[in-house]
Amino acid sequence: MELLQIDVETLGKRGISEAALCRQLEMLSKGFPYLHIEAPATVGHGITLPDKDMVERSKHIWEEYIAAGGSVQKMVPASGAASRMFKNLFAFVGGKKDRPSDEFMKSFFDNILDFAFFPRLNFICLQNYGMSVDSLLREKRYKDVVRALIEKDGLNYGQLPKALLQFHKAMGGTRSALAEHLAEGAQYAAGKDGKVNVHFTVSEDHIPLVEAKLEEIKGWMEALTGVKFEVTLSVQKHSTDTVAANADGTPYRENGELFFRPGGHGALIENLQDLDGDVIFIKNIDNVVPDERRASTVEYKKVLGGVLVATRQRIYEYCKCLESGDVSDAMLDETLAFLRNVLCVTDDKADEMTPDQKKAYISGKLDRPLRVCGMVKNEGEPGGGPFLVYSPDGTVQPQILESTQFDPKEEKRLLKEATHFNPVDLVVSIRNRKGEKYNLADYVDINTGFISSKSREGHEIKALELPGLWNGAMSDWNTIFIEVPAATFNPVKTVNDLLREAHQPGK
């Protein structure tokens, strides 16, 4: 592609190289290969179901790690507005019917008093219309109530980030998703010094709003929990944006300039790279519950943390031994068994390798970033899932996949055989045994992105999504799957999800 001067300037402003641009256009033109999948990960075959002893032992290991001064950080992807959460409400306001006719909208209005945001909604209705919600509903002014919730002249919930929405009733007031993540972090991520390090990735446009909310809640949340919160924010880097293309693969332009879009949550691998925590928990912004319903979540966060700390220690010991040069055949066999049985990394050719080849192979596989991932039994919730997948070097190892990565010929069978899905409940370690950070970009499989079709100003365009943060961006990590209870997964994808028992005050 021959670049125009304006293209050179655009790339320079964004920190994107010409080579990266060409690579993106090639991906948009050719698409991505389907992955070679051995099988879904299941209990006993890639997924560990912890028994009572393992749960208690792992919790103890985590608590010992904290007591010894271990460094912990909690990362919460919280970019983007909550517009999709209110999709049904936008459709209702824009539709021809003035009264709720589908089950979703009927449930919304029938249970409107149960939403934590109801007092604020009622106030806005009084302010905007001079009438309470109840009075408006009696007069069948349903659309006015919804407008007061989602539109700019009201609470503007349709454009705010999920982090700032009032999710739960708590102690005579309400709590935002942001506040709930602080409360949760206080229960398992507080260091020996009583500090909790929490990092939110947010949209650039939302930084002032999030900072204002933090200023409002931080003091009383510290008083409530007895800890100090060290909260940092970051935005998705413009250098990770991806170019859009026309249907024929040529670059899409607006006003003569190349048009770039955010590259999806896979771009956050760079934000993760910048964090300093020795152990980092990762969890989506909308997966939180009130205090009285959080016991299971806290317990299994400690379990995942304990498994990571214990596994990492074994990896460090094996790496140290391998680096010493004096490695017996018995030790090679032991480390190979650890790879296979604990990390679920297999290669049929490993047994045929010479000792030196085996040593190099094992060292290469052990010396990688490590993650422990909670997996939930599949109960029909959307989301990616755990699979055992062939890597480019021929080894089979655990990965978290989305359906876009399946060969359509195999998709139906694989999904039928799958037993678990990914709730985005991760704890990771991104340092080697010497304390040096891994360069996380080295462990991304660039061939695991996907292409989606979007509409832009009336034009159909191709959009390039980078390998997802917990998908292809962590493709070449050491990975352990642990089954966690369904009670630890309570996402809020639609506003009516807030009516589920998990998001209502406990009895």
Protein backbone atom coordinates (compact mmCIF):
# COMPACT_ATOMS: atom_id res chain seq x y z
CA MET A 1 0.00 0.00 0.00
CA GLU A 2 1.31 3.40 -0.95
CA LEU A 3 0.87 5.83 1.94
CA LEU A 4 -0.30 9.39 1.53
CA GLN A 5 1.36 12.13 3.56
CA ILE A 6 -1.77 12.40 5.68
CA ASP A 7 -1.51 8.64 6.39
CA VAL A 8 2.07 9.05 7.63
CA GLU A 9 0.92 11.83 9.97
CA THR A 10 -2.05 9.79 11.23
CA LEU A 11 0.15 6.78 11.97
CA GLY A 12 2.71 8.98 13.73
CA LYS A 13 0.08 10.53 16.00
CA ARG A 14 -1.18 7.10 17.00
CA GLY A 15 2.20 5.44 17.38
CA ILE A 16 1.37 2.80 14.75
CA SER A 17 4.11 1.64 12.37
CA GLU A 18 3.64 1.26 8.64
CA ALA A 19 4.46 -2.43 9.02
CA ALA A 20 1.67 -2.83 11.60
CA LEU A 21 -0.79 -1.10 9.27
CA CYS A 22 0.11 -3.40 6.38
CA ARG A 23 -0.19 -6.44 8.66
CA GLN A 24 -3.66 -5.33 9.77
CA LEU A 25 -4.84 -4.80 6.20
CA GLU A 26 -3.51 -8.23 5.27
CA MET A 27 -5.45 -9.78 8.15
CA LEU A 28 -8.61 -7.96 7.09
CA SER A 29 -8.15 -9.27 3.57
CA LYS A 30 -7.18 -12.88 4.32
CA GLY A 31 -9.00 -13.46 7.61
CA PHE A 32 -7.79 -15.76 10.38
CA PRO A 33 -7.22 -19.52 10.39
CA TYR A 34 -9.35 -21.72 12.59
CA LEU A 35 -7.61 -23.30 15.53
CA HIS A 36 -6.77 -26.98 15.68
CA ILE A 37 -8.61 -28.14 18.78
CA GLU A 38 -7.91 -31.46 20.45
CA ALA A 39 -10.92 -31.42 22.78
CA PRO A 40 -12.92 -29.32 25.23
CA ALA A 41 -11.27 -29.13 28.64
CA THR A 42 -13.30 -31.13 31.15
CA VAL A 43 -12.89 -32.20 34.76
CA GLY A 44 -10.00 -34.64 34.85
CA HIS A 45 -8.92 -33.60 31.36
CA GLY A 46 -7.68 -30.04 31.64
CA ILE A 47 -9.91 -28.83 34.49
CA THR A 48 -9.29 -29.48 38.18
CA LEU A 49 -12.26 -29.82 40.52
CA PRO A 50 -10.83 -28.87 43.93
CA ASP A 51 -11.90 -31.03 46.85
CA LYS A 52 -12.31 -29.69 50.37
CA ASP A 53 -8.68 -30.34 51.29
CA MET A 54 -7.39 -28.53 48.19
CA VAL A 55 -9.68 -25.57 48.90
CA GLU A 56 -8.47 -25.22 52.49
CA ARG A 57 -4.81 -25.78 51.57
CA SER A 58 -4.93 -23.20 48.75
CA LYS A 59 -6.64 -20.61 50.95
CA HIS A 60 -3.94 -21.16 53.59
CA ILE A 61 -1.16 -20.73 51.00
CA TRP A 62 -2.75 -17.46 49.85
CA GLU A 63 -3.09 -16.11 53.37
CA GLU A 64 0.54 -17.03 54.06
CA TYR A 65 1.59 -15.21 50.88
CA ILE A 66 -0.22 -12.05 52.06
CA ALA A 67 1.19 -12.33 55.60
CA ALA A 68 4.70 -12.57 54.16
CA GLY A 69 4.24 -9.23 52.38
CA GLY A 70 3.27 -10.53 48.93
CA SER A 71 2.44 -7.88 46.32
CA VAL A 72 -1.13 -8.03 44.96
CA GLN A 73 -3.02 -5.98 42.41
CA LYS A 74 -6.57 -6.20 41.10
CA MET A 75 -7.20 -5.24 37.45
CA VAL A 76 -10.73 -4.46 36.30
CA PRO A 77 -11.44 -3.91 32.59
CA ALA A 78 -14.08 -1.16 32.72
CA SER A 79 -13.92 0.56 29.35
CA GLY A 80 -16.94 1.44 27.27
CA ALA A 81 -20.41 2.75 27.93
CA ALA A 82 -23.28 0.67 29.25
CA SER A 83 -25.38 1.23 26.13
CA ARG A 84 -25.72 -2.51 25.38
CA MET A 85 -27.02 -3.06 28.90
CA PHE A 86 -29.99 -0.84 28.03
CA LYS A 87 -30.55 -2.08 24.46
CA ASN A 88 -34.11 -3.17 25.19
CA LEU A 89 -34.93 0.18 26.78
CA PHE A 90 -33.58 2.14 23.81
CA ALA A 91 -35.65 -0.05 21.49
CA PHE A 92 -38.78 0.60 23.58
CA VAL A 93 -38.32 4.38 23.57
CA GLY A 94 -37.67 4.36 19.83
CA GLY A 95 -40.52 1.96 19.05
CA LYS A 96 -44.12 2.61 18.06
CA LYS A 97 -45.74 1.03 21.13
CA ASP A 98 -46.32 3.28 24.13
CA ARG A 99 -46.86 0.44 26.57
CA PRO A 100 -44.61 -2.53 27.41
CA SER A 101 -45.60 -5.53 25.32
CA ASP A 102 -42.72 -7.97 25.70
CA GLU A 103 -41.71 -9.89 28.81
CA PHE A 104 -38.45 -7.95 29.25
CA MET A 105 -40.11 -4.54 29.47
CA LYS A 106 -43.00 -5.87 31.56
CA SER A 107 -40.50 -7.28 34.06
CA PHE A 108 -38.59 -3.97 34.09
CA PHE A 109 -41.68 -1.96 35.05
CA ASP A 110 -43.21 -4.59 37.36
CA ASN A 111 -40.03 -4.68 39.44
CA ILE A 112 -38.86 -1.10 39.07
CA LEU A 113 -38.85 -0.54 42.85
CA ASP A 114 -36.21 -3.30 43.22
CA PHE A 115 -33.55 -1.47 41.22
CA ALA A 116 -30.91 0.24 43.35
CA PHE A 117 -31.11 3.29 41.09
CA PHE A 118 -34.87 3.75 41.70
CA PRO A 119 -34.54 6.62 44.25
CA ARG A 120 -32.37 8.61 41.82
CA LEU A 121 -34.72 7.81 38.95
CA ASN A 122 -37.67 8.99 41.02
CA PHE A 123 -35.86 12.24 41.86
CA ILE A 124 -35.06 12.90 38.19
CA CYS A 125 -38.67 12.26 37.21
CA LEU A 126 -39.85 14.74 39.85
CA GLN A 127 -37.27 17.22 38.59
CA ASN A 128 -37.95 16.78 34.87
CA TYR A 129 -41.70 16.13 34.84
CA GLY A 130 -42.91 17.30 38.24
CA MET A 131 -44.23 13.78 38.82
CA SER A 132 -42.96 10.67 40.61
CA VAL A 133 -42.28 7.39 38.81
CA ASP A 134 -45.44 5.95 40.32
CA SER A 135 -47.54 8.86 39.05
CA LEU A 136 -46.04 8.65 35.57
CA LEU A 137 -46.75 4.93 35.38
CA ARG A 138 -50.35 5.46 36.51
CA GLU A 139 -50.73 7.85 33.58
CA LYS A 140 -49.15 5.24 31.26
CA ARG A 141 -46.15 7.52 30.58
CA TYR A 142 -43.80 4.56 30.39
CA LYS A 143 -41.48 6.10 27.82
CA ASP A 144 -40.94 9.19 29.96
CA VAL A 145 -39.73 6.98 32.83
CA VAL A 146 -37.28 5.17 30.56
CA ARG A 147 -36.09 8.47 29.05
CA ALA A 148 -35.36 9.75 32.55
CA LEU A 149 -33.12 6.72 33.10
CA ILE A 150 -31.16 6.42 29.86
CA GLU A 151 -31.12 9.82 28.17
CA LYS A 152 -28.79 12.77 28.65
CA ASP A 153 -31.45 15.00 30.24
CA GLY A 154 -32.03 12.30 32.86
CA LEU A 155 -29.58 9.99 34.63
CA ASN A 156 -27.86 9.31 31.26
CA TYR A 157 -27.35 5.65 32.17
CA GLY A 158 -27.34 4.73 28.49
CA GLN A 159 -24.02 6.52 28.01
CA LEU A 160 -22.30 6.18 31.37
CA PRO A 161 -19.74 3.43 32.00
CA LYS A 162 -21.02 0.40 33.92
CA ALA A 163 -18.57 1.27 36.68
CA LEU A 164 -20.69 4.28 37.67
CA LEU A 165 -24.14 2.68 37.59
CA GLN A 166 -25.90 1.99 40.89
CA PHE A 167 -25.91 -1.80 41.00
CA HIS A 168 -26.92 -2.68 44.55
CA LYS A 169 -28.72 -1.51 47.65
CA ALA A 170 -26.38 -1.39 50.64
CA MET A 171 -26.60 -0.07 54.21
CA GLY A 172 -29.52 2.22 53.57
CA GLY A 173 -27.96 3.57 50.38
CA THR A 174 -26.66 2.24 47.10
CA ARG A 175 -23.37 1.07 45.62
CA SER A 176 -21.96 1.41 42.15
CA ALA A 177 -20.11 -1.41 40.41
CA LEU A 178 -16.95 0.61 41.05
CA ALA A 179 -17.57 0.65 44.80
CA GLU A 180 -18.38 -3.08 44.86
CA HIS A 181 -14.99 -3.86 43.29
CA LEU A 182 -13.28 -1.91 46.05
CA ALA A 183 -15.31 -3.74 48.69
CA GLU A 184 -14.47 -7.08 47.10
CA GLY A 185 -10.77 -6.30 46.78
CA ALA A 186 -10.61 -5.44 50.48
CA GLN A 187 -11.57 -9.02 51.33
CA TYR A 188 -8.83 -10.91 49.47
CA ALA A 189 -6.33 -8.45 47.95
CA ALA A 190 -5.33 -6.34 50.95
CA GLY A 191 -1.57 -6.49 51.47
CA LYS A 192 0.25 -6.87 54.77
CA ASP A 193 0.36 -3.06 54.96
CA GLY A 194 -3.44 -2.84 54.75
CA LYS A 195 -3.41 -1.37 51.25
CA VAL A 196 -5.46 -2.62 48.32
CA ASN A 197 -4.12 -1.82 44.85
CA VAL A 198 -6.93 -1.65 42.30
CA HIS A 199 -6.47 -0.70 38.64
CA PHE A 200 -9.36 0.15 36.32
CA THR A 201 -8.97 0.41 32.56
CA VAL A 202 -11.44 3.06 31.43
CA SER A 203 -12.42 5.02 28.36
CA GLU A 204 -10.57 8.30 27.91
CA ASP A 205 -13.91 10.14 27.87
CA HIS A 206 -14.91 8.66 31.21
CA ILE A 207 -11.77 9.47 33.22
CA PRO A 208 -13.16 12.68 34.81
CA LEU A 209 -16.40 10.91 35.79
CA VAL A 210 -14.58 7.92 37.28
CA GLU A 211 -12.13 10.16 39.14
CA ALA A 212 -15.03 12.16 40.58
CA LYS A 213 -16.79 8.98 41.74
CA LEU A 214 -13.58 7.71 43.36
CA GLU A 215 -13.18 11.02 45.16
CA GLU A 216 -16.75 10.67 46.41
CA ILE A 217 -16.59 7.07 47.67
CA LYS A 218 -12.97 6.35 48.56
CA GLY A 219 -13.03 7.84 52.05
CA TRP A 220 -16.17 6.16 53.30
CA MET A 221 -15.23 2.85 51.64
CA GLU A 222 -11.92 2.94 53.53
CA ALA A 223 -13.76 3.67 56.77
CA LEU A 224 -16.17 0.82 56.08
CA THR A 225 -13.56 -1.81 55.13
CA GLY A 226 -10.63 -0.78 57.33
CA VAL A 227 -8.13 -0.70 54.44
CA LYS A 228 -6.49 1.95 52.26
CA PHE A 229 -7.26 1.92 48.55
CA GLU A 230 -4.57 2.77 46.03
CA VAL A 231 -6.56 3.21 42.83
CA THR A 232 -5.03 3.82 39.41
CA LEU A 233 -6.59 4.26 35.98
CA SER A 234 -5.38 3.67 32.46
CA VAL A 235 -6.85 3.92 28.98
CA GLN A 236 -6.53 1.67 25.99
CA LYS A 237 -3.51 2.90 24.04
CA HIS A 238 -4.12 4.47 20.63
CA SER A 239 -1.19 2.43 19.32
CA THR A 240 -3.39 -0.65 19.70
CA ASP A 241 -6.21 0.73 17.52
CA THR A 242 -6.87 -1.14 14.29
CA VAL A 243 -7.62 0.19 10.82
CA ALA A 244 -11.05 -0.38 9.27
CA ALA A 245 -11.47 -1.63 5.72
CA ASN A 246 -14.12 -1.55 3.02
CA ALA A 247 -15.82 -4.75 1.96
CA ASP A 248 -13.17 -5.21 -0.79
CA GLY A 249 -10.32 -4.99 1.74
CA THR A 250 -9.15 -1.49 0.82
CA PRO A 251 -8.65 0.95 3.70
CA TYR A 252 -11.79 2.78 4.78
CA ARG A 253 -11.37 6.55 4.96
CA GLU A 254 -13.29 9.46 6.43
CA ASN A 255 -12.51 12.96 5.19
CA GLY A 256 -9.55 11.47 3.38
CA GLU A 257 -8.01 9.98 6.54
CA LEU A 258 -7.58 6.35 7.52
CA PHE A 259 -10.24 5.36 10.04
CA PHE A 260 -9.13 3.51 13.16
CA ARG A 261 -11.21 1.74 15.81
CA PRO A 262 -10.33 0.43 19.29
CA GLY A 263 -8.86 -3.05 18.89
CA GLY A 264 -11.02 -4.74 21.58
CA HIS A 265 -10.06 -5.95 25.04
CA GLY A 266 -7.00 -7.74 23.67
CA ALA A 267 -5.36 -4.30 23.54
CA LEU A 268 -5.34 -4.36 27.35
CA ILE A 269 -2.40 -6.80 27.32
CA GLU A 270 -0.28 -3.64 27.14
CA ASN A 271 -2.06 -2.15 30.14
CA LEU A 272 -1.40 -5.41 32.01
CA GLN A 273 2.26 -5.17 30.99
CA ASP A 274 2.49 -1.81 32.75
CA LEU A 275 1.21 -3.06 36.11
CA ASP A 276 3.62 -3.69 38.97
CA GLY A 277 1.80 -6.30 41.04
CA ASP A 278 3.57 -9.58 41.65
CA VAL A 279 0.20 -11.33 41.55
CA ILE A 280 -2.66 -9.72 39.61
CA PHE A 281 -6.36 -10.63 39.74
CA ILE A 282 -8.43 -9.85 36.62
CA LYS A 283 -12.20 -9.60 36.66
CA ASN A 284 -14.80 -7.74 34.57
CA ILE A 285 -16.53 -4.66 35.95
CA ASP A 286 -20.06 -6.10 35.88
CA ASN A 287 -19.38 -9.31 37.81
CA VAL A 288 -19.96 -8.15 41.39
CA VAL A 289 -22.47 -8.90 44.15
CA PRO A 290 -23.51 -7.22 47.42
CA ASP A 291 -21.53 -7.81 50.63
CA GLU A 292 -23.86 -10.47 52.02
CA ARG A 293 -23.60 -12.59 48.85
CA ARG A 294 -19.83 -12.42 48.39
CA ALA A 295 -18.54 -15.26 50.62
CA SER A 296 -18.14 -17.79 47.81
CA THR A 297 -16.43 -15.24 45.56
CA VAL A 298 -13.90 -14.30 48.23
CA GLU A 299 -13.19 -17.92 49.14
CA TYR A 300 -12.47 -18.96 45.58
CA LYS A 301 -10.40 -15.87 44.83
CA LYS A 302 -8.13 -17.05 47.64
CA VAL A 303 -8.19 -20.58 46.21
CA LEU A 304 -7.12 -19.36 42.76
CA GLY A 305 -4.46 -17.16 44.31
CA GLY A 306 -3.13 -20.03 46.43
CA VAL A 307 -2.97 -22.37 43.43
CA LEU A 308 -1.04 -19.74 41.48
CA VAL A 309 1.46 -19.08 44.27
CA ALA A 310 2.08 -22.80 44.90
CA THR A 311 2.38 -23.66 41.20
CA ARG A 312 4.66 -20.73 40.50
CA GLN A 313 6.98 -21.77 43.30
CA ARG A 314 7.35 -25.23 41.79
CA ILE A 315 8.01 -23.71 38.36
CA TYR A 316 10.68 -21.43 39.83
CA GLU A 317 12.37 -24.38 41.53
CA TYR A 318 12.35 -26.46 38.36
CA CYS A 319 13.69 -23.52 36.30
CA LYS A 320 16.51 -22.98 38.80
CA CYS A 321 17.41 -26.65 38.65
CA LEU A 322 17.37 -26.69 34.83
CA GLU A 323 19.53 -23.56 34.69
CA SER A 324 22.15 -25.19 36.94
CA GLY A 325 23.09 -27.55 34.14
CA ASP A 326 23.33 -30.62 36.37
CA VAL A 327 20.00 -32.30 35.66
CA SER A 328 19.46 -36.02 36.09
CA ASP A 329 17.22 -38.10 33.88
CA ALA A 330 14.95 -38.59 36.87
CA MET A 331 14.59 -34.81 37.31
CA LEU A 332 13.82 -34.39 33.60
CA ASP A 333 11.14 -37.04 33.89
CA GLU A 334 9.71 -35.32 36.98
CA THR A 335 9.50 -31.91 35.31
CA LEU A 336 8.01 -33.46 32.17
CA ALA A 337 5.35 -35.12 34.33
CA PHE A 338 4.66 -31.75 35.99
CA LEU A 339 4.19 -30.17 32.56
CA ARG A 340 1.75 -32.88 31.53
CA ASN A 341 -0.20 -33.43 34.72
CA VAL A 342 -0.31 -29.97 36.30
CA LEU A 343 0.03 -27.56 33.37
CA CYS A 344 -1.65 -29.93 30.88
CA VAL A 345 1.04 -29.25 28.26
CA THR A 346 1.63 -32.34 26.14
CA ASP A 347 3.81 -33.25 23.18
CA ASP A 348 3.85 -36.84 21.91
CA LYS A 349 7.42 -36.36 20.66
CA ALA A 350 8.79 -35.41 24.09
CA ASP A 351 9.53 -38.99 25.15
CA GLU A 352 11.67 -39.49 22.03
CA MET A 353 13.82 -36.42 22.67
CA THR A 354 17.45 -36.63 23.76
CA PRO A 355 18.17 -35.34 27.30
CA ASP A 356 19.45 -32.02 25.92
CA GLN A 357 16.40 -31.62 23.66
CA LYS A 358 14.11 -32.52 26.53
CA LYS A 359 15.82 -29.99 28.79
CA ALA A 360 15.44 -27.19 26.21
CA TYR A 361 11.80 -28.11 25.56
CA ILE A 362 10.87 -28.20 29.26
CA SER A 363 12.73 -24.97 30.03
CA GLY A 364 10.96 -23.16 27.20
CA LYS A 365 7.55 -24.29 28.40
CA LEU A 366 8.09 -23.60 32.09
CA ASP A 367 9.62 -20.14 31.70
CA ARG A 368 6.42 -18.32 30.65
CA PRO A 369 3.76 -16.11 32.24
CA LEU A 370 1.35 -18.10 34.40
CA ARG A 371 -2.40 -17.79 34.90
CA VAL A 372 -4.94 -19.69 36.97
CA CYS A 373 -8.48 -19.37 35.62
CA GLY A 374 -11.77 -20.07 37.32
CA MET A 375 -14.18 -22.03 35.13
CA VAL A 376 -17.90 -22.43 35.71
CA LYS A 377 -20.13 -25.33 34.66
CA ASN A 378 -21.97 -24.42 31.50
CA GLU A 379 -25.51 -23.39 32.37
CA GLY A 380 -26.35 -21.60 29.16
CA GLU A 381 -24.56 -18.32 29.85
CA PRO A 382 -22.77 -16.73 26.89
CA GLY A 383 -19.01 -16.58 26.83
CA GLY A 384 -15.86 -18.35 25.76
CA GLY A 385 -14.77 -21.66 27.09
CA PRO A 386 -11.77 -23.80 28.08
CA PHE A 387 -10.27 -26.07 25.42
CA LEU A 388 -7.11 -28.06 24.78
CA VAL A 389 -5.59 -26.64 21.63
CA TYR A 390 -2.65 -27.40 19.35
CA SER A 391 0.00 -24.69 19.37
CA PRO A 392 2.08 -23.79 16.30
CA ASP A 393 4.95 -25.93 17.65
CA GLY A 394 2.74 -29.04 17.84
CA THR A 395 2.19 -29.09 21.61
CA VAL A 396 -1.29 -29.25 23.09
CA GLN A 397 -2.07 -26.83 25.91
CA PRO A 398 -5.05 -25.16 27.61
CA GLN A 399 -6.57 -22.07 26.02
CA ILE A 400 -9.73 -20.00 26.41
CA LEU A 401 -11.53 -19.77 23.07
CA GLU A 402 -14.43 -17.88 21.54
CA SER A 403 -16.73 -19.52 19.02
CA THR A 404 -15.25 -17.36 16.21
CA GLN A 405 -12.08 -19.42 16.53
CA PHE A 406 -13.82 -22.74 15.79
CA ASP A 407 -13.94 -24.36 12.39
CA PRO A 408 -17.68 -24.17 11.57
CA LYS A 409 -17.58 -27.88 10.67
CA GLU A 410 -16.49 -28.69 14.23
CA GLU A 411 -18.31 -25.95 16.14
CA LYS A 412 -21.55 -27.81 16.87
CA ARG A 413 -19.74 -30.93 18.12
CA LEU A 414 -17.25 -28.98 20.26
CA LEU A 415 -19.91 -26.87 21.92
CA LYS A 416 -22.02 -29.96 22.60
CA GLU A 417 -19.07 -31.71 24.26
CA ALA A 418 -17.97 -28.63 26.24
CA THR A 419 -18.90 -28.64 29.92
CA HIS A 420 -17.62 -25.27 31.17
CA PHE A 421 -17.36 -21.65 30.14
CA ASN A 422 -15.10 -18.75 31.00
CA PRO A 423 -16.43 -16.25 33.56
CA VAL A 424 -13.28 -14.04 33.31
CA ASP A 425 -11.99 -14.93 36.75
CA LEU A 426 -8.22 -14.92 36.45
CA VAL A 427 -5.17 -14.53 38.63
CA VAL A 428 -1.86 -14.08 36.84
CA SER A 429 1.87 -13.82 37.37
CA ILE A 430 3.88 -11.93 34.74
CA ARG A 431 7.39 -12.17 36.23
CA ASN A 432 10.09 -14.83 36.03
CA ARG A 433 11.88 -16.30 39.03
CA LYS A 434 14.36 -13.40 39.04
CA GLY A 435 11.53 -10.89 39.36
CA GLU A 436 11.88 -9.67 35.78
CA LYS A 437 8.73 -8.94 33.80
CA TYR A 438 8.02 -11.05 30.77
CA ASN A 439 7.44 -9.14 27.53
CA LEU A 440 3.81 -10.15 27.20
CA ALA A 441 3.67 -9.30 23.50
CA ASP A 442 5.97 -12.30 22.89
CA TYR A 443 3.22 -14.66 24.08
CA VAL A 444 0.38 -13.34 21.91
CA ASP A 445 -0.84 -15.48 19.01
CA ILE A 446 -1.54 -12.81 16.39
CA ASN A 447 -3.49 -15.32 14.32
CA THR A 448 -6.31 -15.53 16.87
CA GLY A 449 -8.05 -12.22 16.21
CA PHE A 450 -11.32 -12.00 14.35
CA ILE A 451 -13.13 -9.76 11.86
CA SER A 452 -16.56 -8.29 12.46
CA SER A 453 -18.87 -6.35 10.17
CA LYS A 454 -19.93 -2.88 11.29
CA SER A 455 -21.94 -0.04 9.86
CA ARG A 456 -20.27 3.37 9.73
CA GLU A 457 -22.03 6.43 8.33
CA GLY A 458 -24.16 4.13 6.20
CA HIS A 459 -21.15 2.15 4.93
CA GLU A 460 -20.47 -1.50 5.69
CA ILE A 461 -16.94 -1.82 7.00
CA LYS A 462 -14.70 -4.60 8.25
CA ALA A 463 -13.43 -4.16 11.80
CA LEU A 464 -10.39 -5.99 13.15
CA GLU A 465 -10.51 -7.28 16.71
CA LEU A 466 -7.15 -8.06 18.29
CA PRO A 467 -6.62 -11.43 20.01
CA GLY A 468 -8.74 -11.19 23.17
CA LEU A 469 -7.03 -10.47 26.49
CA TRP A 470 -7.78 -13.88 27.99
CA ASN A 471 -7.95 -15.59 24.57
CA GLY A 472 -5.20 -15.24 21.98
CA ALA A 473 -3.35 -12.51 23.90
CA MET A 474 -2.54 -15.14 26.55
CA SER A 475 -2.34 -18.01 24.07
CA ASP A 476 1.21 -19.03 24.93
CA TRP A 477 0.94 -18.73 28.73
CA ASN A 478 1.04 -21.56 31.20
CA THR A 479 -2.59 -22.05 32.12
CA ILE A 480 -4.44 -23.91 34.87
CA PHE A 481 -8.23 -24.31 34.83
CA ILE A 482 -10.00 -24.65 38.19
CA GLU A 483 -13.73 -25.27 38.51
CA VAL A 484 -15.36 -22.57 40.64
CA PRO A 485 -18.98 -22.42 41.86
CA ALA A 486 -21.59 -20.77 39.65
CA ALA A 487 -22.31 -18.45 42.59
CA THR A 488 -19.05 -16.63 41.80
CA PHE A 489 -20.34 -15.55 38.37
CA ASN A 490 -23.06 -12.94 38.32
CA PRO A 491 -22.59 -10.69 35.28
CA VAL A 492 -24.89 -7.78 34.47
CA LYS A 493 -25.36 -7.86 30.70
CA THR A 494 -28.86 -6.33 30.68
CA VAL A 495 -30.49 -3.98 33.16
CA ASN A 496 -32.92 -6.74 34.20
CA ASP A 497 -30.00 -8.88 35.35
CA LEU A 498 -29.94 -6.56 38.36
CA LEU A 499 -33.26 -8.13 39.36
CA ARG A 500 -31.65 -11.54 39.80
CA GLU A 501 -31.43 -12.79 43.36
CA ALA A 502 -27.63 -12.43 43.35
CA HIS A 503 -27.95 -8.67 42.94
CA GLN A 504 -30.69 -8.14 45.49
CA PRO A 505 -30.14 -7.62 49.21
CA GLY A 506 -29.74 -10.83 51.17
CA LYS A 507 -32.50 -11.84 53.54
